[in-house]
Amino acid sequence: MLQPRVYHAYRAILLPDCALWSGDGAVQKAVATAWEGSGLAHPSVAEIRKRLAELPR
């Protein structure tokens, strides 16, 4: 049986993609906040930030 910890890094890199595809604003905001200052430019995080910036405040 495979241990779930084997996939943690793999899931972490896919999480922004899944959040973007979900369309859930709360999840997208949480992902954008978690990725602040990470130094890793993830295309889905950039798109999430763009979409969040376009929302009316």
Protein backbone atom coordinates (compact mmCIF):
# COMPACT_ATOMS: atom_id res chain seq x y z
CA MET A 1 0.00 0.00 0.00
CA LEU A 2 1.33 3.45 -0.88
CA GLN A 3 1.63 5.97 1.90
CA PRO A 4 -0.12 9.31 1.28
CA ARG A 5 3.00 11.28 2.23
CA VAL A 6 4.56 10.11 -1.04
CA TYR A 7 2.20 12.42 -2.91
CA HIS A 8 2.32 15.55 -0.72
CA ALA A 9 4.70 17.53 -2.93
CA TYR A 10 2.84 16.38 -6.02
CA ARG A 11 -0.50 17.47 -4.59
CA ALA A 12 0.92 20.80 -3.43
CA ILE A 13 1.94 21.74 -6.94
CA LEU A 14 -1.48 20.71 -8.31
CA LEU A 15 -3.52 22.47 -5.62
CA PRO A 16 -3.52 25.88 -7.37
CA ASP A 17 -4.72 24.24 -10.61
CA CYS A 18 -7.55 22.51 -8.77
CA ALA A 19 -8.49 25.71 -6.94
CA LEU A 20 -8.57 27.63 -10.21
CA TRP A 21 -10.72 25.01 -11.91
CA SER A 22 -13.11 24.82 -8.96
CA GLY A 23 -14.21 28.42 -9.31
CA ASP A 24 -14.59 28.61 -5.51
CA GLY A 25 -13.57 32.13 -4.51
CA ALA A 26 -12.86 31.21 -0.88
CA VAL A 27 -10.54 28.38 -1.90
CA GLN A 28 -8.83 30.57 -4.47
CA LYS A 29 -8.25 33.31 -1.90
CA ALA A 30 -6.80 30.78 0.54
CA VAL A 31 -4.43 29.43 -2.12
CA ALA A 32 -3.33 32.93 -3.18
CA THR A 33 -2.66 33.84 0.45
CA ALA A 34 -0.75 30.62 1.12
CA TRP A 35 1.48 31.16 -1.93
CA GLU A 36 2.43 34.75 -1.01
CA GLY A 37 6.18 35.11 -0.77
CA SER A 38 6.82 31.54 -1.90
CA GLY A 39 9.23 32.61 -4.64
CA LEU A 40 7.68 30.05 -6.97
CA ALA A 41 5.80 31.54 -9.90
CA HIS A 42 2.87 29.21 -10.51
CA PRO A 43 0.70 30.12 -13.53
CA SER A 44 -2.53 29.16 -11.78
CA VAL A 45 -1.68 31.29 -8.74
CA ALA A 46 -1.04 34.23 -11.05
CA GLU A 47 -4.40 33.67 -12.73
CA ILE A 48 -6.16 33.35 -9.35
CA ARG A 49 -4.60 36.63 -8.20
CA LYS A 50 -5.69 38.29 -11.45
CA ARG A 51 -9.26 37.08 -11.03
CA LEU A 52 -9.37 38.11 -7.37
CA ALA A 53 -8.11 41.59 -8.28
CA GLU A 54 -10.92 41.95 -10.82
CA LEU A 55 -13.65 41.22 -8.25
CA PRO A 56 -15.58 44.22 -6.97
CA ARG A 57 -14.64 45.10 -3.42
